[in-house]
PDB file of N, CA and C in Angstrom:
ATOM      1  N   MET A   1       0.840  -1.181   0.000  1.00  0.00           N
ATOM      2  CA  MET A   1       0.000   0.000   0.000  1.00  0.00           C
ATOM      3  C   MET A   1       0.885   1.245   0.000  1.00  0.00           C
ATOM      4  N   LYS A   2       1.531   1.435  -1.029  1.00  0.00           N
ATOM      5  CA  LYS A   2       2.434   2.563  -1.133  1.00  0.00           C
ATOM      6  C   LYS A   2       1.660   3.877  -1.302  1.00  0.00           C
ATOM      7  N   GLY A   3       2.045   4.883  -0.490  1.00  0.00           N
ATOM      8  CA  GLY A   3       1.448   6.210  -0.614  1.00  0.00           C
ATOM      9  C   GLY A   3       0.083   6.365   0.039  1.00  0.00           C
ATOM     10  N   LYS A   4      -0.366   5.366   0.762  1.00  0.00           N
ATOM     11  CA  LYS A   4      -1.683   5.449   1.392  1.00  0.00           C
ATOM     12  C   LYS A   4      -1.525   5.384   2.907  1.00  0.00           C
ATOM     13  N   ILE A   5      -2.126   6.325   3.605  1.00  0.00           N
ATOM     14  CA  ILE A   5      -2.059   6.341   5.055  1.00  0.00           C
ATOM     15  C   ILE A   5      -3.379   5.807   5.595  1.00  0.00           C
ATOM     16  N   LEU A   6      -3.283   4.787   6.412  1.00  0.00           N
ATOM     17  CA  LEU A   6      -4.471   4.193   7.004  1.00  0.00           C
ATOM     18  C   LEU A   6      -4.711   4.803   8.381  1.00  0.00           C
ATOM     19  N   GLU A   7      -5.944   5.092   8.672  1.00  0.00           N
ATOM     20  CA  GLU A   7      -6.318   5.654   9.963  1.00  0.00           C
ATOM     21  C   GLU A   7      -6.526   4.528  10.959  1.00  0.00           C
ATOM     22  N   ASP A   8      -5.934   4.642  12.108  1.00  0.00           N
ATOM     23  CA  ASP A   8      -6.132   3.669  13.179  1.00  0.00           C
ATOM     24  C   ASP A   8      -7.457   3.979  13.860  1.00  0.00           C
ATOM     25  N   LYS A   9      -8.462   3.169  13.593  1.00  0.00           N
ATOM     26  CA  LYS A   9      -9.810   3.432  14.100  1.00  0.00           C
ATOM     27  C   LYS A   9      -9.892   3.371  15.626  1.00  0.00           C
ATOM     28  N   SER A  10      -8.973   2.664  16.270  1.00  0.00           N
ATOM     29  CA  SER A  10      -9.019   2.546  17.723  1.00  0.00           C
ATOM     30  C   SER A  10      -8.629   3.851  18.415  1.00  0.00           C
ATOM     31  N   THR A  11      -7.918   4.739  17.736  1.00  0.00           N
ATOM     32  CA  THR A  11      -7.505   5.999  18.351  1.00  0.00           C
ATOM     33  C   THR A  11      -8.190   7.213  17.723  1.00  0.00           C
ATOM     34  N   ALA A  12      -9.012   6.994  16.725  1.00  0.00           N
ATOM     35  CA  ALA A  12      -9.674   8.111  16.045  1.00  0.00           C
ATOM     36  C   ALA A  12     -10.741   8.743  16.946  1.00  0.00           C
ATOM     37  N   LYS A  13     -10.748  10.052  16.999  1.00  0.00           N
ATOM     38  CA  LYS A  13     -11.758  10.768  17.780  1.00  0.00           C
ATOM     39  C   LYS A  13     -12.833  11.250  16.827  1.00  0.00           C
ATOM     40  N   ARG A  14     -14.057  10.802  17.056  1.00  0.00           N
ATOM     41  CA  ARG A  14     -15.149  11.120  16.141  1.00  0.00           C
ATOM     42  C   ARG A  14     -16.137  12.122  16.699  1.00  0.00           C
ATOM     43  N   PHE A  15     -16.085  12.384  17.997  1.00  0.00           N
ATOM     44  CA  PHE A  15     -17.019  13.294  18.634  1.00  0.00           C
ATOM     45  C   PHE A  15     -16.248  14.476  19.212  1.00  0.00           C
ATOM     46  N   PHE A  16     -16.646  15.679  18.805  1.00  0.00           N
ATOM     47  CA  PHE A  16     -15.934  16.878  19.247  1.00  0.00           C
ATOM     48  C   PHE A  16     -16.891  17.848  19.921  1.00  0.00           C
ATOM     49  N   CYS A  17     -16.446  18.364  21.054  1.00  0.00           N
ATOM     50  CA  CYS A  17     -17.220  19.341  21.802  1.00  0.00           C
ATOM     51  C   CYS A  17     -17.143  20.683  21.078  1.00  0.00           C
ATOM     52  N   GLU A  18     -18.281  21.247  20.752  1.00  0.00           N
ATOM     53  CA  GLU A  18     -18.321  22.531  20.060  1.00  0.00           C
ATOM     54  C   GLU A  18     -17.935  23.682  20.983  1.00  0.00           C
ATOM     55  N   LEU A  19     -18.014  23.448  22.280  1.00  0.00           N
ATOM     56  CA  LEU A  19     -17.698  24.502  23.232  1.00  0.00           C
ATOM     57  C   LEU A  19     -16.206  24.637  23.506  1.00  0.00           C
ATOM     58  N   CYS A  20     -15.495  23.504  23.592  1.00  0.00           N
ATOM     59  CA  CYS A  20     -14.070  23.565  23.927  1.00  0.00           C
ATOM     60  C   CYS A  20     -13.170  22.841  22.928  1.00  0.00           C
ATOM     61  N   LYS A  21     -13.750  22.225  21.916  1.00  0.00           N
ATOM     62  CA  LYS A  21     -13.024  21.544  20.837  1.00  0.00           C
ATOM     63  C   LYS A  21     -12.318  20.256  21.260  1.00  0.00           C
ATOM     64  N   LYS A  22     -12.610  19.736  22.443  1.00  0.00           N
ATOM     65  CA  LYS A  22     -12.017  18.482  22.892  1.00  0.00           C
ATOM     66  C   LYS A  22     -12.647  17.330  22.124  1.00  0.00           C
ATOM     67  N   GLY A  23     -11.834  16.326  21.775  1.00  0.00           N
ATOM     68  CA  GLY A  23     -12.312  15.190  21.004  1.00  0.00           C
ATOM     69  C   GLY A  23     -12.472  13.934  21.842  1.00  0.00           C
ATOM     70  N   PHE A  24     -13.425  13.087  21.428  1.00  0.00           N
ATOM     71  CA  PHE A  24     -13.729  11.854  22.140  1.00  0.00           C
ATOM     72  C   PHE A  24     -13.932  10.718  21.148  1.00  0.00           C
ATOM     73  N   LYS A  25     -13.528   9.505  21.563  1.00  0.00           N
ATOM     74  CA  LYS A  25     -13.716   8.319  20.726  1.00  0.00           C
ATOM     75  C   LYS A  25     -15.158   7.823  20.766  1.00  0.00           C
ATOM     76  N   GLN A  26     -15.805   8.003  21.901  1.00  0.00           N
ATOM     77  CA  GLN A  26     -17.158   7.474  22.081  1.00  0.00           C
ATOM     78  C   GLN A  26     -18.144   8.590  22.433  1.00  0.00           C
ATOM     79  N   ASN A  27     -19.358   8.437  21.947  1.00  0.00           N
ATOM     80  CA  ASN A  27     -20.402   9.405  22.226  1.00  0.00           C
ATOM     81  C   ASN A  27     -20.703   9.467  23.729  1.00  0.00           C
ATOM     82  N   SER A  28     -20.648   8.338  24.401  1.00  0.00           N
ATOM     83  CA  SER A  28     -20.946   8.322  25.840  1.00  0.00           C
ATOM     84  C   SER A  28     -19.944   9.173  26.620  1.00  0.00           C
ATOM     85  N   LEU A  29     -18.669   9.150  26.221  1.00  0.00           N
ATOM     86  CA  LEU A  29     -17.658   9.979  26.884  1.00  0.00           C
ATOM     87  C   LEU A  29     -17.886  11.457  26.587  1.00  0.00           C
ATOM     88  N   TYR A  30     -18.310  11.739  25.372  1.00  0.00           N
ATOM     89  CA  TYR A  30     -18.632  13.115  24.975  1.00  0.00           C
ATOM     90  C   TYR A  30     -19.805  13.648  25.806  1.00  0.00           C
ATOM     91  N   GLN A  31     -20.854  12.841  25.961  1.00  0.00           N
ATOM     92  CA  GLN A  31     -22.030  13.245  26.736  1.00  0.00           C
ATOM     93  C   GLN A  31     -21.653  13.479  28.202  1.00  0.00           C
ATOM     94  N   LYS A  32     -20.832  12.591  28.748  1.00  0.00           N
ATOM     95  CA  LYS A  32     -20.391  12.738  30.131  1.00  0.00           C
ATOM     96  C   LYS A  32     -19.588  14.027  30.295  1.00  0.00           C
ATOM     97  N   HIS A  33     -18.731  14.322  29.339  1.00  0.00           N
ATOM     98  CA  HIS A  33     -17.934  15.546  29.354  1.00  0.00           C
ATOM     99  C   HIS A  33     -18.839  16.776  29.410  1.00  0.00           C
ATOM    100  N   LEU A  34     -19.851  16.815  28.578  1.00  0.00           N
ATOM    101  CA  LEU A  34     -20.751  17.966  28.537  1.00  0.00           C
ATOM    102  C   LEU A  34     -21.460  18.183  29.868  1.00  0.00           C
ATOM    103  N   LYS A  35     -21.850  17.108  30.500  1.00  0.00           N
ATOM    104  CA  LYS A  35     -22.609  17.218  31.747  1.00  0.00           C
ATOM    105  C   LYS A  35     -21.730  17.459  32.968  1.00  0.00           C
ATOM    106  N   ASN A  36     -20.429  17.227  32.859  1.00  0.00           N
ATOM    107  CA  ASN A  36     -19.537  17.380  34.000  1.00  0.00           C
ATOM    108  C   ASN A  36     -18.590  18.569  33.891  1.00  0.00           C
ATOM    109  N   VAL A  37     -18.528  19.217  32.748  1.00  0.00           N
ATOM    110  CA  VAL A  37     -17.553  20.288  32.548  1.00  0.00           C
ATOM    111  C   VAL A  37     -18.203  21.598  32.100  1.00  0.00           C
ATOM    112  N   HIS A  38     -19.316  21.531  31.401  1.00  0.00           N
ATOM    113  CA  HIS A  38     -19.982  22.727  30.885  1.00  0.00           C
ATOM    114  C   HIS A  38     -21.302  22.951  31.603  1.00  0.00           C
ATOM    115  N   CYS A  39     -21.470  24.139  32.167  1.00  0.00           N
ATOM    116  CA  CYS A  39     -22.709  24.483  32.862  1.00  0.00           C
ATOM    117  C   CYS A  39     -23.787  24.773  31.818  1.00  0.00           C
ATOM    118  N   LEU A  40     -24.857  24.005  31.856  1.00  0.00           N
ATOM    119  CA  LEU A  40     -25.939  24.181  30.891  1.00  0.00           C
ATOM    120  C   LEU A  40     -26.843  25.349  31.252  1.00  0.00           C
ATOM    121  N   ILE A  41     -26.667  25.894  32.437  1.00  0.00           N
ATOM    122  CA  ILE A  41     -27.493  27.007  32.881  1.00  0.00           C
ATOM    123  C   ILE A  41     -26.922  28.337  32.401  1.00  0.00           C
ATOM    124  N   CYS A  42     -25.617  28.532  32.583  1.00  0.00           N
ATOM    125  CA  CYS A  42     -25.019  29.828  32.221  1.00  0.00           C
ATOM    126  C   CYS A  42     -23.944  29.720  31.138  1.00  0.00           C
ATOM    127  N   ALA A  43     -23.709  28.530  30.610  1.00  0.00           N
ATOM    128  CA  ALA A  43     -22.790  28.278  29.494  1.00  0.00           C
ATOM    129  C   ALA A  43     -21.317  28.501  29.829  1.00  0.00           C
ATOM    130  N   LYS A  44     -20.957  28.457  31.105  1.00  0.00           N
ATOM    131  CA  LYS A  44     -19.549  28.549  31.480  1.00  0.00           C
ATOM    132  C   LYS A  44     -18.919  27.164  31.423  1.00  0.00           C
ATOM    133  N   SER A  45     -17.606  27.129  31.216  1.00  0.00           N
ATOM    134  CA  SER A  45     -16.878  25.872  31.159  1.00  0.00           C
ATOM    135  C   SER A  45     -15.857  25.807  32.291  1.00  0.00           C
ATOM    136  N   PHE A  46     -15.553  24.584  32.723  1.00  0.00           N
ATOM    137  CA  PHE A  46     -14.651  24.372  33.840  1.00  0.00           C
ATOM    138  C   PHE A  46     -13.659  23.262  33.504  1.00  0.00           C
ATOM    139  N   PRO A  47     -12.423  23.359  34.024  1.00  0.00           N
ATOM    140  CA  PRO A  47     -11.398  22.373  33.677  1.00  0.00           C
ATOM    141  C   PRO A  47     -11.632  20.994  34.290  1.00  0.00           C
ATOM    142  N   THR A  48     -12.382  20.939  35.392  1.00  0.00           N
ATOM    143  CA  THR A  48     -12.629  19.657  36.058  1.00  0.00           C
ATOM    144  C   THR A  48     -14.069  19.584  36.571  1.00  0.00           C
ATOM    145  N   LYS A  49     -14.498  18.368  36.855  1.00  0.00           N
ATOM    146  CA  LYS A  49     -15.834  18.165  37.415  1.00  0.00           C
ATOM    147  C   LYS A  49     -15.935  18.851  38.779  1.00  0.00           C
ATOM    148  N   MET A  50     -14.855  18.804  39.562  1.00  0.00           N
ATOM    149  CA  MET A  50     -14.861  19.425  40.877  1.00  0.00           C
ATOM    150  C   MET A  50     -15.099  20.938  40.783  1.00  0.00           C
ATOM    151  N   ARG A  51     -14.444  21.590  39.845  1.00  0.00           N
ATOM    152  CA  ARG A  51     -14.651  23.033  39.666  1.00  0.00           C
ATOM    153  C   ARG A  51     -16.087  23.326  39.229  1.00  0.00           C
ATOM    154  N   TYR A  52     -16.612  22.474  38.367  1.00  0.00           N
ATOM    155  CA  TYR A  52     -18.005  22.612  37.924  1.00  0.00           C
ATOM    156  C   TYR A  52     -18.948  22.514  39.126  1.00  0.00           C
ATOM    157  N   GLU A  53     -18.727  21.518  39.984  1.00  0.00           N
ATOM    158  CA  GLU A  53     -19.577  21.323  41.153  1.00  0.00           C
ATOM    159  C   GLU A  53     -19.465  22.497  42.121  1.00  0.00           C
ATOM    160  N   GLN A  54     -18.266  23.043  42.276  1.00  0.00           N
ATOM    161  CA  GLN A  54     -18.087  24.233  43.115  1.00  0.00           C
ATOM    162  C   GLN A  54     -18.887  25.399  42.543  1.00  0.00           C
ATOM    163  N   HIS A  55     -18.865  25.544  41.246  1.00  0.00           N
ATOM    164  CA  HIS A  55     -19.620  26.599  40.563  1.00  0.00           C
ATOM    165  C   HIS A  55     -21.113  26.460  40.856  1.00  0.00           C
ATOM    166  N   ILE A  56     -21.624  25.256  40.728  1.00  0.00           N
ATOM    167  CA  ILE A  56     -23.052  24.998  40.964  1.00  0.00           C
ATOM    168  C   ILE A  56     -23.430  25.401  42.392  1.00  0.00           C
ATOM    169  N   GLN A  57     -22.574  25.055  43.354  1.00  0.00           N
ATOM    170  CA  GLN A  57     -22.851  25.341  44.761  1.00  0.00           C
ATOM    171  C   GLN A  57     -22.785  26.833  45.083  1.00  0.00           C
ATOM    172  N   THR A  58     -21.797  27.535  44.529  1.00  0.00           N
ATOM    173  CA  THR A  58     -21.562  28.922  44.930  1.00  0.00           C
ATOM    174  C   THR A  58     -22.334  29.950  44.114  1.00  0.00           C
ATOM    175  N   ILE A  59     -22.629  29.669  42.886  1.00  0.00           N
ATOM    176  CA  ILE A  59     -23.293  30.644  42.023  1.00  0.00           C
ATOM    177  C   ILE A  59     -24.798  30.695  42.283  1.00  0.00           C
ATOM    178  N   GLY A  60     -25.343  29.652  42.856  1.00  0.00           N
ATOM    179  CA  GLY A  60     -26.776  29.658  43.132  1.00  0.00           C
ATOM    180  C   GLY A  60     -27.568  28.799  42.174  1.00  0.00           C
ATOM    181  N   HIS A  61     -26.884  28.012  41.388  1.00  0.00           N
ATOM    182  CA  HIS A  61     -27.571  27.100  40.471  1.00  0.00           C
ATOM    183  C   HIS A  61     -28.084  25.859  41.209  1.00  0.00           C
ATOM    184  N   LYS A  62     -27.689  25.710  42.451  1.00  0.00           N
ATOM    185  CA  LYS A  62     -28.040  24.503  43.205  1.00  0.00           C
ATOM    186  C   LYS A  62     -29.540  24.229  43.175  1.00  0.00           C
ATOM    187  N   ASN A  63     -30.355  25.250  43.331  1.00  0.00           N
ATOM    188  CA  ASN A  63     -31.809  25.058  43.314  1.00  0.00           C
ATOM    189  C   ASN A  63     -32.294  24.602  41.945  1.00  0.00           C
ATOM    190  N   LEU A  64     -31.636  25.041  40.897  1.00  0.00           N
ATOM    191  CA  LEU A  64     -32.040  24.636  39.546  1.00  0.00           C
ATOM    192  C   LEU A  64     -31.709  23.175  39.257  1.00  0.00           C
ATOM    193  N   ILE A  65     -30.694  22.653  39.907  1.00  0.00           N
ATOM    194  CA  ILE A  65     -30.306  21.261  39.697  1.00  0.00           C
ATOM    195  C   ILE A  65     -31.478  20.329  39.992  1.00  0.00           C
ATOM    196  N   PHE A  66     -32.290  20.694  40.967  1.00  0.00           N
ATOM    197  CA  PHE A  66     -33.418  19.858  41.352  1.00  0.00           C
ATOM    198  C   PHE A  66     -34.696  20.186  40.572  1.00  0.00           C
ATOM    199  N   ASN A  67     -34.590  21.148  39.672  1.00  0.00           N
ATOM    200  CA  ASN A  67     -35.704  21.534  38.823  1.00  0.00           C
ATOM    201  C   ASN A  67     -35.962  20.424  37.794  1.00  0.00           C
ATOM    202  N   LYS A  68     -37.219  20.050  37.616  1.00  0.00           N
ATOM    203  CA  LYS A  68     -37.580  18.943  36.721  1.00  0.00           C
ATOM    204  C   LYS A  68     -37.174  19.223  35.273  1.00  0.00           C
ATOM    205  N   GLU A  69     -37.364  20.457  34.801  1.00  0.00           N
ATOM    206  CA  GLU A  69     -36.985  20.806  33.424  1.00  0.00           C
ATOM    207  C   GLU A  69     -35.481  20.657  33.210  1.00  0.00           C
ATOM    208  N   TYR A  70     -34.695  21.082  34.189  1.00  0.00           N
ATOM    209  CA  TYR A  70     -33.242  20.972  34.084  1.00  0.00           C
ATOM    210  C   TYR A  70     -32.823  19.503  34.054  1.00  0.00           C
ATOM    211  N   GLN A  71     -33.454  18.671  34.875  1.00  0.00           N
ATOM    212  CA  GLN A  71     -33.140  17.245  34.893  1.00  0.00           C
ATOM    213  C   GLN A  71     -33.433  16.606  33.531  1.00  0.00           C
ATOM    214  N   GLU A  72     -34.529  17.008  32.906  1.00  0.00           N
ATOM    215  CA  GLU A  72     -34.865  16.493  31.576  1.00  0.00           C
ATOM    216  C   GLU A  72     -33.831  16.942  30.545  1.00  0.00           C
ATOM    217  N   LYS A  73     -33.356  18.161  30.666  1.00  0.00           N
ATOM    218  CA  LYS A  73     -32.339  18.691  29.753  1.00  0.00           C
ATOM    219  C   LYS A  73     -31.053  17.880  29.862  1.00  0.00           C
ATOM    220  N   LEU A  74     -30.697  17.478  31.073  1.00  0.00           N
ATOM    221  CA  LEU A  74     -29.483  16.679  31.270  1.00  0.00           C
ATOM    222  C   LEU A  74     -29.606  15.290  30.650  1.00  0.00           C
ATOM    223  N   LYS A  75     -30.808  14.756  30.587  1.00  0.00           N
ATOM    224  CA  LYS A  75     -31.015  13.433  30.011  1.00  0.00           C
ATOM    225  C   LYS A  75     -30.938  13.415  28.498  1.00  0.00           C
ATOM    226  N   GLN A  76     -31.181  14.553  27.866  1.00  0.00           N
ATOM    227  CA  GLN A  76     -31.199  14.613  26.405  1.00  0.00           C
ATOM    228  C   GLN A  76     -29.775  14.641  25.852  1.00  0.00           C
ATOM    229  N   PRO A  77     -29.548  13.932  24.734  1.00  0.00           N
ATOM    230  CA  PRO A  77     -28.247  14.021  24.080  1.00  0.00           C
ATOM    231  C   PRO A  77     -28.060  15.402  23.463  1.00  0.00           C
ATOM    232  N   PHE A  78     -26.829  15.827  23.388  1.00  0.00           N
ATOM    233  CA  PHE A  78     -26.527  17.164  22.852  1.00  0.00           C
ATOM    234  C   PHE A  78     -26.355  17.113  21.359  1.00  0.00           C
TER     235      PHE A  78
END
């Protein structure tokens, strides 16, 4: 196969976050990333799940977390 480059499917990233451009091999990892790093209420992004959780607690989004509409939004794929 001279002159042809084959893509290694085991390392190919097919899902990309439009907010931070991070790539993922599996849709499930992409969905988890969105729910643990990007605040769906105010559209801010955080480097870790812990920082995201701190944001939820301190900014006042905590009450919205228990809101039924917000819970439904988290269940939907992006």
